Amino acid sequence: MQGEEKTKSIMNFFIVCFIVLIDQISKNYIYQNKVQYKDPVPIIDGIINFTYLENTGIAFGLFSNMGTSRIIFIIFPIIITFYLISLLKDKEFQSNSSQISLLLIIGGAIGNIIDRIFRRHVVDFIQFDIDIFPYVFNIADSSVTIGLLFLLCSSIIVQR
């Protein structure tokens, strides 16, 4: 039984690392190629663009003008991430869907924490070319969102 748990922990580690790696590689690509917000690059014409936006706030740029309080945007996500890591061992979160959900959220959180520590902002670059969703986001944001949706859906299914 101990061997299975160790294998599972190693797999979890690699899943989180993969998410963080893809997130950081994509952000570095956008940064290195100097894609600008004013000049988006169409990826799927009329649907998805790549652009470059420095997000100093939280999700969707909220609280961008808080200035010196940015340390909160580093410390709070780190605390939440450690809590989520502890939930990986919790018996309530042992289903495959719960585990995958938590790993997606953890990987995305770490990707954005890395940006906040080393860049002082989060690099956002994916932009839907539709009026009803004017936000710019990144792979880490997508990972967190998908993980939260998975977790919500698996909670609803388990409760039924």
N, C-alpha and C. Protein backbone atom coordinates (compact mmCIF):
# COMPACT_ATOMS: atom_id res chain seq x y z
N MET A 1 0.82 -1.20 0.00
CA MET A 1 0.00 0.00 0.00
C MET A 1 0.86 1.26 0.00
N GLN A 2 1.98 1.23 0.73
CA GLN A 2 2.85 2.38 0.81
C GLN A 2 3.48 2.70 -0.55
N GLY A 3 3.80 1.68 -1.33
CA GLY A 3 4.36 1.87 -2.66
C GLY A 3 3.39 2.56 -3.59
N GLU A 4 2.10 2.20 -3.49
CA GLU A 4 1.07 2.85 -4.31
C GLU A 4 0.94 4.33 -3.97
N GLU A 5 1.00 4.63 -2.69
CA GLU A 5 0.87 6.02 -2.24
C GLU A 5 2.07 6.85 -2.71
N LYS A 6 3.25 6.26 -2.66
CA LYS A 6 4.45 6.96 -3.13
C LYS A 6 4.36 7.21 -4.63
N THR A 7 3.91 6.22 -5.38
CA THR A 7 3.75 6.37 -6.83
C THR A 7 2.74 7.46 -7.14
N LYS A 8 1.64 7.48 -6.39
CA LYS A 8 0.61 8.49 -6.58
C LYS A 8 1.17 9.88 -6.30
N SER A 9 1.95 10.03 -5.24
CA SER A 9 2.55 11.32 -4.90
C SER A 9 3.51 11.78 -5.99
N ILE A 10 4.28 10.86 -6.54
CA ILE A 10 5.21 11.20 -7.62
C ILE A 10 4.44 11.63 -8.86
N MET A 11 3.37 10.92 -9.19
CA MET A 11 2.53 11.29 -10.34
C MET A 11 1.92 12.67 -10.13
N ASN A 12 1.40 12.92 -8.93
CA ASN A 12 0.82 14.22 -8.61
C ASN A 12 1.85 15.33 -8.80
N PHE A 13 3.06 15.09 -8.31
CA PHE A 13 4.14 16.07 -8.45
C PHE A 13 4.40 16.37 -9.92
N PHE A 14 4.47 15.34 -10.75
CA PHE A 14 4.76 15.55 -12.17
C PHE A 14 3.61 16.25 -12.89
N ILE A 15 2.37 15.97 -12.50
CA ILE A 15 1.22 16.66 -13.10
C ILE A 15 1.28 18.15 -12.79
N VAL A 16 1.54 18.49 -11.54
CA VAL A 16 1.65 19.90 -11.16
C VAL A 16 2.82 20.55 -11.90
N CYS A 17 3.96 19.88 -11.94
CA CYS A 17 5.13 20.42 -12.65
C CYS A 17 4.83 20.64 -14.12
N PHE A 18 4.10 19.73 -14.75
CA PHE A 18 3.75 19.86 -16.16
C PHE A 18 2.90 21.11 -16.39
N ILE A 19 1.90 21.32 -15.53
CA ILE A 19 1.04 22.50 -15.65
C ILE A 19 1.86 23.77 -15.50
N VAL A 20 2.72 23.81 -14.48
CA VAL A 20 3.55 25.00 -14.24
C VAL A 20 4.50 25.22 -15.42
N LEU A 21 5.09 24.16 -15.93
CA LEU A 21 6.03 24.27 -17.05
C LEU A 21 5.34 24.81 -18.30
N ILE A 22 4.20 24.26 -18.66
CA ILE A 22 3.47 24.74 -19.84
C ILE A 22 3.07 26.21 -19.66
N ASP A 23 2.61 26.55 -18.46
CA ASP A 23 2.23 27.93 -18.16
C ASP A 23 3.43 28.86 -18.33
N GLN A 24 4.54 28.53 -17.72
CA GLN A 24 5.72 29.41 -17.77
C GLN A 24 6.33 29.48 -19.17
N ILE A 25 6.36 28.38 -19.87
CA ILE A 25 6.88 28.40 -21.25
C ILE A 25 6.02 29.30 -22.13
N SER A 26 4.70 29.18 -22.00
CA SER A 26 3.80 29.99 -22.83
C SER A 26 3.95 31.48 -22.51
N LYS A 27 4.06 31.82 -21.23
CA LYS A 27 4.24 33.22 -20.84
C LYS A 27 5.57 33.77 -21.34
N ASN A 28 6.62 32.98 -21.22
CA ASN A 28 7.93 33.41 -21.71
C ASN A 28 7.93 33.59 -23.22
N TYR A 29 7.25 32.72 -23.94
CA TYR A 29 7.15 32.85 -25.39
C TYR A 29 6.50 34.19 -25.77
N ILE A 30 5.38 34.49 -25.12
CA ILE A 30 4.67 35.74 -25.39
C ILE A 30 5.56 36.93 -25.05
N TYR A 31 6.22 36.87 -23.90
CA TYR A 31 7.10 37.96 -23.47
C TYR A 31 8.27 38.13 -24.44
N GLN A 32 8.93 37.04 -24.79
CA GLN A 32 10.11 37.10 -25.67
C GLN A 32 9.77 37.62 -27.07
N ASN A 33 8.57 37.30 -27.53
CA ASN A 33 8.17 37.72 -28.87
C ASN A 33 7.47 39.07 -28.88
N LYS A 34 7.44 39.72 -27.73
CA LYS A 34 6.93 41.08 -27.61
C LYS A 34 5.57 41.30 -28.25
N VAL A 35 4.69 40.32 -28.06
CA VAL A 35 3.32 40.50 -28.52
C VAL A 35 2.74 41.62 -27.66
N GLN A 36 2.11 42.59 -28.26
CA GLN A 36 1.59 43.75 -27.54
C GLN A 36 0.08 43.74 -27.46
N TYR A 37 -0.45 44.31 -26.38
CA TYR A 37 -1.89 44.38 -26.17
C TYR A 37 -2.57 45.18 -27.29
N LYS A 38 -1.90 46.22 -27.74
CA LYS A 38 -2.47 47.06 -28.80
C LYS A 38 -2.46 46.35 -30.16
N ASP A 39 -1.66 45.32 -30.26
CA ASP A 39 -1.47 44.65 -31.55
C ASP A 39 -1.61 43.13 -31.40
N PRO A 40 -2.83 42.63 -31.08
CA PRO A 40 -3.00 41.20 -30.84
C PRO A 40 -2.70 40.36 -32.09
N VAL A 41 -2.21 39.15 -31.84
CA VAL A 41 -1.91 38.21 -32.92
C VAL A 41 -3.04 37.19 -33.00
N PRO A 42 -3.77 37.15 -34.14
CA PRO A 42 -4.86 36.17 -34.25
C PRO A 42 -4.31 34.73 -34.27
N ILE A 43 -4.87 33.89 -33.42
CA ILE A 43 -4.52 32.47 -33.41
C ILE A 43 -5.58 31.69 -34.17
N ILE A 44 -6.84 31.92 -33.83
CA ILE A 44 -7.97 31.43 -34.61
C ILE A 44 -8.75 32.68 -34.97
N ASP A 45 -8.62 33.09 -36.23
CA ASP A 45 -9.14 34.38 -36.68
C ASP A 45 -10.58 34.63 -36.25
N GLY A 46 -10.79 35.74 -35.58
CA GLY A 46 -12.11 36.13 -35.12
C GLY A 46 -12.57 35.44 -33.84
N ILE A 47 -11.71 34.56 -33.29
CA ILE A 47 -12.11 33.84 -32.07
C ILE A 47 -11.10 34.04 -30.94
N ILE A 48 -9.83 33.70 -31.19
CA ILE A 48 -8.80 33.77 -30.15
C ILE A 48 -7.59 34.54 -30.66
N ASN A 49 -7.12 35.46 -29.81
CA ASN A 49 -5.90 36.21 -30.10
C ASN A 49 -4.88 35.96 -29.00
N PHE A 50 -3.61 36.13 -29.34
CA PHE A 50 -2.57 36.23 -28.33
C PHE A 50 -2.23 37.71 -28.21
N THR A 51 -2.08 38.17 -26.99
CA THR A 51 -1.74 39.55 -26.71
C THR A 51 -0.85 39.54 -25.47
N TYR A 52 -0.44 40.67 -24.99
CA TYR A 52 0.40 40.72 -23.80
C TYR A 52 -0.17 41.73 -22.83
N LEU A 53 -0.44 41.29 -21.62
CA LEU A 53 -0.99 42.17 -20.60
C LEU A 53 -0.34 41.85 -19.27
N GLU A 54 0.11 42.88 -18.56
CA GLU A 54 0.70 42.71 -17.24
C GLU A 54 -0.39 42.94 -16.20
N ASN A 55 -0.78 41.89 -15.52
CA ASN A 55 -1.86 41.95 -14.54
C ASN A 55 -1.25 42.05 -13.13
N THR A 56 -1.39 43.23 -12.51
CA THR A 56 -0.88 43.41 -11.15
C THR A 56 -1.95 43.12 -10.11
N GLY A 57 -3.17 42.85 -10.56
CA GLY A 57 -4.26 42.57 -9.64
C GLY A 57 -4.46 41.07 -9.48
N ILE A 58 -5.70 40.70 -9.20
CA ILE A 58 -6.04 39.28 -9.11
C ILE A 58 -6.83 38.91 -10.36
N ALA A 59 -7.65 37.90 -10.29
CA ALA A 59 -8.40 37.42 -11.45
C ALA A 59 -9.08 38.57 -12.19
N PHE A 60 -8.92 38.56 -13.49
CA PHE A 60 -9.52 39.54 -14.39
C PHE A 60 -9.08 40.97 -14.09
N GLY A 61 -7.91 41.13 -13.46
CA GLY A 61 -7.36 42.45 -13.20
C GLY A 61 -7.97 43.20 -12.03
N LEU A 62 -8.80 42.54 -11.25
CA LEU A 62 -9.40 43.21 -10.09
C LEU A 62 -8.31 43.64 -9.11
N PHE A 63 -8.50 44.77 -8.47
CA PHE A 63 -7.58 45.32 -7.46
C PHE A 63 -6.19 45.63 -8.02
N SER A 64 -6.10 45.98 -9.29
CA SER A 64 -4.82 46.27 -9.92
C SER A 64 -4.12 47.48 -9.33
N ASN A 65 -4.85 48.39 -8.76
CA ASN A 65 -4.26 49.64 -8.29
C ASN A 65 -3.93 49.63 -6.80
N MET A 66 -3.73 48.48 -6.21
CA MET A 66 -3.48 48.41 -4.76
C MET A 66 -2.03 48.71 -4.39
N GLY A 67 -1.12 48.74 -5.34
CA GLY A 67 0.27 49.13 -5.10
C GLY A 67 1.00 48.30 -4.08
N THR A 68 1.26 48.88 -2.90
CA THR A 68 2.09 48.22 -1.89
C THR A 68 1.43 46.98 -1.30
N SER A 69 0.15 46.80 -1.48
CA SER A 69 -0.54 45.63 -0.93
C SER A 69 -0.34 44.39 -1.80
N ARG A 70 0.52 44.48 -2.81
CA ARG A 70 0.71 43.34 -3.70
C ARG A 70 1.27 42.12 -2.98
N ILE A 71 1.92 42.33 -1.83
CA ILE A 71 2.45 41.21 -1.04
C ILE A 71 1.32 40.27 -0.64
N ILE A 72 0.12 40.82 -0.45
CA ILE A 72 -1.06 40.01 -0.12
C ILE A 72 -1.34 39.04 -1.27
N PHE A 73 -1.11 39.50 -2.51
CA PHE A 73 -1.37 38.67 -3.69
C PHE A 73 -0.33 37.58 -3.86
N ILE A 74 0.71 37.60 -3.05
CA ILE A 74 1.71 36.53 -3.05
C ILE A 74 1.46 35.60 -1.86
N ILE A 75 1.34 36.18 -0.67
CA ILE A 75 1.23 35.38 0.55
C ILE A 75 -0.08 34.60 0.61
N PHE A 76 -1.19 35.24 0.32
CA PHE A 76 -2.49 34.58 0.39
C PHE A 76 -2.57 33.37 -0.55
N PRO A 77 -2.17 33.50 -1.82
CA PRO A 77 -2.19 32.31 -2.69
C PRO A 77 -1.25 31.19 -2.24
N ILE A 78 -0.12 31.55 -1.63
CA ILE A 78 0.80 30.52 -1.12
C ILE A 78 0.12 29.75 0.01
N ILE A 79 -0.53 30.45 0.91
CA ILE A 79 -1.23 29.79 2.02
C ILE A 79 -2.34 28.87 1.49
N ILE A 80 -3.11 29.37 0.55
CA ILE A 80 -4.19 28.56 -0.05
C ILE A 80 -3.61 27.35 -0.76
N THR A 81 -2.50 27.51 -1.45
CA THR A 81 -1.87 26.40 -2.18
C THR A 81 -1.43 25.31 -1.21
N PHE A 82 -0.82 25.69 -0.10
CA PHE A 82 -0.43 24.69 0.90
C PHE A 82 -1.65 23.97 1.47
N TYR A 83 -2.72 24.70 1.67
CA TYR A 83 -3.96 24.09 2.15
C TYR A 83 -4.48 23.08 1.12
N LEU A 84 -4.47 23.46 -0.15
CA LEU A 84 -4.94 22.55 -1.20
C LEU A 84 -4.06 21.30 -1.29
N ILE A 85 -2.75 21.48 -1.11
CA ILE A 85 -1.84 20.33 -1.10
C ILE A 85 -2.20 19.39 0.04
N SER A 86 -2.56 19.95 1.20
CA SER A 86 -2.95 19.09 2.33
C SER A 86 -4.24 18.33 2.03
N LEU A 87 -5.12 18.92 1.22
CA LEU A 87 -6.38 18.24 0.86
C LEU A 87 -6.15 17.00 -0.02
N LEU A 88 -5.00 16.94 -0.69
CA LEU A 88 -4.69 15.76 -1.51
C LEU A 88 -4.65 14.49 -0.68
N LYS A 89 -4.35 14.62 0.61
CA LYS A 89 -4.29 13.46 1.52
C LYS A 89 -5.61 13.24 2.26
N ASP A 90 -6.51 14.20 2.20
CA ASP A 90 -7.79 14.13 2.92
C ASP A 90 -8.67 13.04 2.31
N LYS A 91 -9.30 12.23 3.16
CA LYS A 91 -10.13 11.12 2.66
C LYS A 91 -11.33 11.61 1.85
N GLU A 92 -11.77 12.84 2.09
CA GLU A 92 -12.91 13.41 1.35
C GLU A 92 -12.55 13.72 -0.10
N PHE A 93 -11.25 13.79 -0.42
CA PHE A 93 -10.80 14.19 -1.75
C PHE A 93 -9.99 13.10 -2.44
N GLN A 94 -10.34 11.85 -2.21
CA GLN A 94 -9.58 10.76 -2.79
C GLN A 94 -10.09 10.25 -4.13
N SER A 95 -11.24 10.73 -4.57
CA SER A 95 -11.72 10.30 -5.89
C SER A 95 -10.80 10.87 -6.95
N ASN A 96 -10.73 10.20 -8.09
CA ASN A 96 -9.88 10.66 -9.18
C ASN A 96 -10.24 12.08 -9.62
N SER A 97 -11.54 12.37 -9.70
CA SER A 97 -11.96 13.70 -10.16
C SER A 97 -11.55 14.78 -9.15
N SER A 98 -11.65 14.49 -7.86
CA SER A 98 -11.23 15.46 -6.84
C SER A 98 -9.72 15.67 -6.89
N GLN A 99 -8.97 14.59 -7.04
CA GLN A 99 -7.52 14.70 -7.10
C GLN A 99 -7.08 15.52 -8.32
N ILE A 100 -7.65 15.22 -9.48
CA ILE A 100 -7.30 15.96 -10.70
C ILE A 100 -7.68 17.43 -10.54
N SER A 101 -8.84 17.68 -9.96
CA SER A 101 -9.29 19.06 -9.73
C SER A 101 -8.28 19.82 -8.88
N LEU A 102 -7.89 19.22 -7.77
CA LEU A 102 -6.93 19.88 -6.87
C LEU A 102 -5.59 20.10 -7.56
N LEU A 103 -5.13 19.13 -8.32
CA LEU A 103 -3.85 19.27 -9.02
C LEU A 103 -3.89 20.39 -10.05
N LEU A 104 -5.00 20.52 -10.76
CA LEU A 104 -5.15 21.62 -11.73
C LEU A 104 -5.11 22.97 -11.02
N ILE A 105 -5.82 23.07 -9.91
CA ILE A 105 -5.85 24.33 -9.15
C ILE A 105 -4.46 24.65 -8.59
N ILE A 106 -3.80 23.66 -8.01
CA ILE A 106 -2.47 23.85 -7.43
C ILE A 106 -1.46 24.26 -8.50
N GLY A 107 -1.46 23.56 -9.63
CA GLY A 107 -0.53 23.89 -10.72
C GLY A 107 -0.74 25.31 -11.24
N GLY A 108 -2.00 25.69 -11.43
CA GLY A 108 -2.29 27.05 -11.90
C GLY A 108 -1.90 28.10 -10.87
N ALA A 109 -2.18 27.83 -9.61
CA ALA A 109 -1.81 28.78 -8.55
C ALA A 109 -0.30 28.98 -8.50
N ILE A 110 0.44 27.89 -8.58
CA ILE A 110 1.91 28.00 -8.53
C ILE A 110 2.43 28.78 -9.74
N GLY A 111 1.85 28.55 -10.92
CA GLY A 111 2.26 29.29 -12.11
C GLY A 111 2.12 30.79 -11.93
N ASN A 112 0.99 31.22 -11.37
CA ASN A 112 0.78 32.67 -11.16
C ASN A 112 1.60 33.20 -9.99
N ILE A 113 1.84 32.38 -8.97
CA ILE A 113 2.68 32.81 -7.84
C ILE A 113 4.10 33.08 -8.34
N ILE A 114 4.61 32.21 -9.20
CA ILE A 114 5.95 32.40 -9.77
C ILE A 114 6.03 33.76 -10.47
N ASP A 115 5.01 34.09 -11.26
CA ASP A 115 4.99 35.40 -11.94
C ASP A 115 5.02 36.54 -10.93
N ARG A 116 4.18 36.44 -9.92
CA ARG A 116 4.09 37.54 -8.94
C ARG A 116 5.41 37.75 -8.20
N ILE A 117 6.11 36.66 -7.91
CA ILE A 117 7.39 36.77 -7.20
C ILE A 117 8.48 37.31 -8.11
N PHE A 118 8.62 36.76 -9.31
CA PHE A 118 9.77 37.10 -10.16
C PHE A 118 9.51 38.23 -11.16
N ARG A 119 8.27 38.47 -11.54
CA ARG A 119 7.97 39.53 -12.50
C ARG A 119 7.26 40.72 -11.86
N ARG A 120 6.70 40.52 -10.68
CA ARG A 120 5.90 41.52 -9.96
C ARG A 120 4.53 41.75 -10.59
N HIS A 121 4.17 40.89 -11.51
CA HIS A 121 2.85 40.90 -12.15
C HIS A 121 2.63 39.53 -12.79
N VAL A 122 1.40 39.25 -13.16
CA VAL A 122 1.09 38.01 -13.87
C VAL A 122 0.97 38.34 -15.35
N VAL A 123 1.59 37.52 -16.18
CA VAL A 123 1.49 37.71 -17.63
C VAL A 123 0.21 37.02 -18.12
N ASP A 124 -0.68 37.80 -18.69
CA ASP A 124 -1.89 37.28 -19.32
C ASP A 124 -1.75 37.48 -20.82
N PHE A 125 -2.27 36.52 -21.60
CA PHE A 125 -2.06 36.64 -23.05
C PHE A 125 -3.14 36.03 -23.93
N ILE A 126 -4.04 35.25 -23.40
CA ILE A 126 -5.09 34.62 -24.20
C ILE A 126 -6.31 35.52 -24.17
N GLN A 127 -6.78 35.89 -25.34
CA GLN A 127 -7.91 36.82 -25.44
C GLN A 127 -8.94 36.27 -26.42
N PHE A 128 -10.16 36.06 -25.92
CA PHE A 128 -11.24 35.69 -26.82
C PHE A 128 -11.70 36.95 -27.54
N ASP A 129 -11.88 36.85 -28.82
CA ASP A 129 -12.27 37.99 -29.64
C ASP A 129 -13.79 38.11 -29.71
N ILE A 130 -14.40 38.10 -28.51
CA ILE A 130 -15.86 38.23 -28.43
C ILE A 130 -16.20 39.28 -27.38
N ASP A 131 -17.24 40.04 -27.61
CA ASP A 131 -17.59 41.16 -26.72
C ASP A 131 -18.06 40.73 -25.34
N ILE A 132 -18.67 39.55 -25.24
CA ILE A 132 -19.23 39.15 -23.94
C ILE A 132 -18.16 38.68 -22.95
N PHE A 133 -16.93 38.44 -23.42
CA PHE A 133 -15.84 38.03 -22.55
C PHE A 133 -14.59 38.84 -22.90
N PRO A 134 -14.49 40.06 -22.34
CA PRO A 134 -13.39 40.96 -22.72
C PRO A 134 -12.09 40.72 -21.96
N TYR A 135 -11.98 39.65 -21.22
CA TYR A 135 -10.84 39.42 -20.33
C TYR A 135 -9.67 38.75 -21.05
N VAL A 136 -8.47 39.01 -20.53
CA VAL A 136 -7.25 38.37 -21.01
C VAL A 136 -6.77 37.48 -19.87
N PHE A 137 -6.36 36.25 -20.20
CA PHE A 137 -5.98 35.29 -19.16
C PHE A 137 -4.81 34.46 -19.64
N ASN A 138 -4.42 33.43 -18.88
CA ASN A 138 -3.27 32.60 -19.23
C ASN A 138 -3.56 31.13 -18.93
N ILE A 139 -2.59 30.28 -19.16
CA ILE A 139 -2.75 28.83 -18.94
C ILE A 139 -3.03 28.54 -17.46
N ALA A 140 -2.33 29.23 -16.56
CA ALA A 140 -2.55 29.01 -15.12
C ALA A 140 -3.99 29.34 -14.73
N ASP A 141 -4.49 30.47 -15.23
CA ASP A 141 -5.88 30.85 -14.95
C ASP A 141 -6.84 29.78 -15.46
N SER A 142 -6.57 29.28 -16.65
CA SER A 142 -7.42 28.23 -17.24
C SER A 142 -7.38 26.97 -16.38
N SER A 143 -6.20 26.62 -15.91
CA SER A 143 -6.04 25.43 -15.08
C SER A 143 -6.83 25.56 -13.78
N VAL A 144 -6.73 26.72 -13.13
CA VAL A 144 -7.48 26.95 -11.89
C VAL A 144 -8.98 26.89 -12.17
N THR A 145 -9.43 27.54 -13.23
CA THR A 145 -10.86 27.58 -13.56
C THR A 145 -11.40 26.19 -13.86
N ILE A 146 -10.68 25.42 -14.67
CA ILE A 146 -11.12 24.06 -15.00
C ILE A 146 -11.12 23.19 -13.75
N GLY A 147 -10.09 23.34 -12.90
CA GLY A 147 -10.03 22.58 -11.65
C GLY A 147 -11.20 22.90 -10.74
N LEU A 148 -11.53 24.19 -10.62
CA LEU A 148 -12.67 24.58 -9.78
C LEU A 148 -13.99 24.04 -10.34
N LEU A 149 -14.15 24.09 -11.67
CA LEU A 149 -15.37 23.55 -12.28
C LEU A 149 -15.47 22.04 -12.07
N PHE A 150 -14.36 21.32 -12.25
CA PHE A 150 -14.32 19.87 -12.00
C PHE A 150 -14.71 19.57 -10.56
N LEU A 151 -14.12 20.34 -9.63
CA LEU A 151 -14.38 20.12 -8.21
C LEU A 151 -15.85 20.38 -7.87
N LEU A 152 -16.39 21.44 -8.44
CA LEU A 152 -17.80 21.76 -8.23
C LEU A 152 -18.70 20.66 -8.78
N CYS A 153 -18.42 20.24 -10.01
CA CYS A 153 -19.24 19.18 -10.63
C CYS A 153 -19.11 17.87 -9.87
N SER A 154 -17.90 17.50 -9.45
CA SER A 154 -17.74 16.22 -8.73
C SER A 154 -18.42 16.31 -7.37
N SER A 155 -18.46 17.48 -6.74
CA SER A 155 -19.15 17.64 -5.47
C SER A 155 -20.65 17.46 -5.64
N ILE A 156 -21.18 18.03 -6.71
CA ILE A 156 -22.61 17.91 -6.98
C ILE A 156 -22.98 16.47 -7.27
N ILE A 157 -22.16 15.78 -8.06
CA ILE A 157 -22.43 14.38 -8.41
C ILE A 157 -22.36 13.49 -7.17
N VAL A 158 -21.37 13.71 -6.31
CA VAL A 158 -21.20 12.91 -5.10
C VAL A 158 -22.39 13.11 -4.15
N GLN A 159 -22.90 14.33 -4.08
CA GLN A 159 -24.01 14.63 -3.18
C GLN A 159 -25.32 13.98 -3.62
N ARG A 160 -25.43 13.64 -4.88
CA ARG A 160 -26.69 13.04 -5.39
C ARG A 160 -26.70 11.62 -5.10
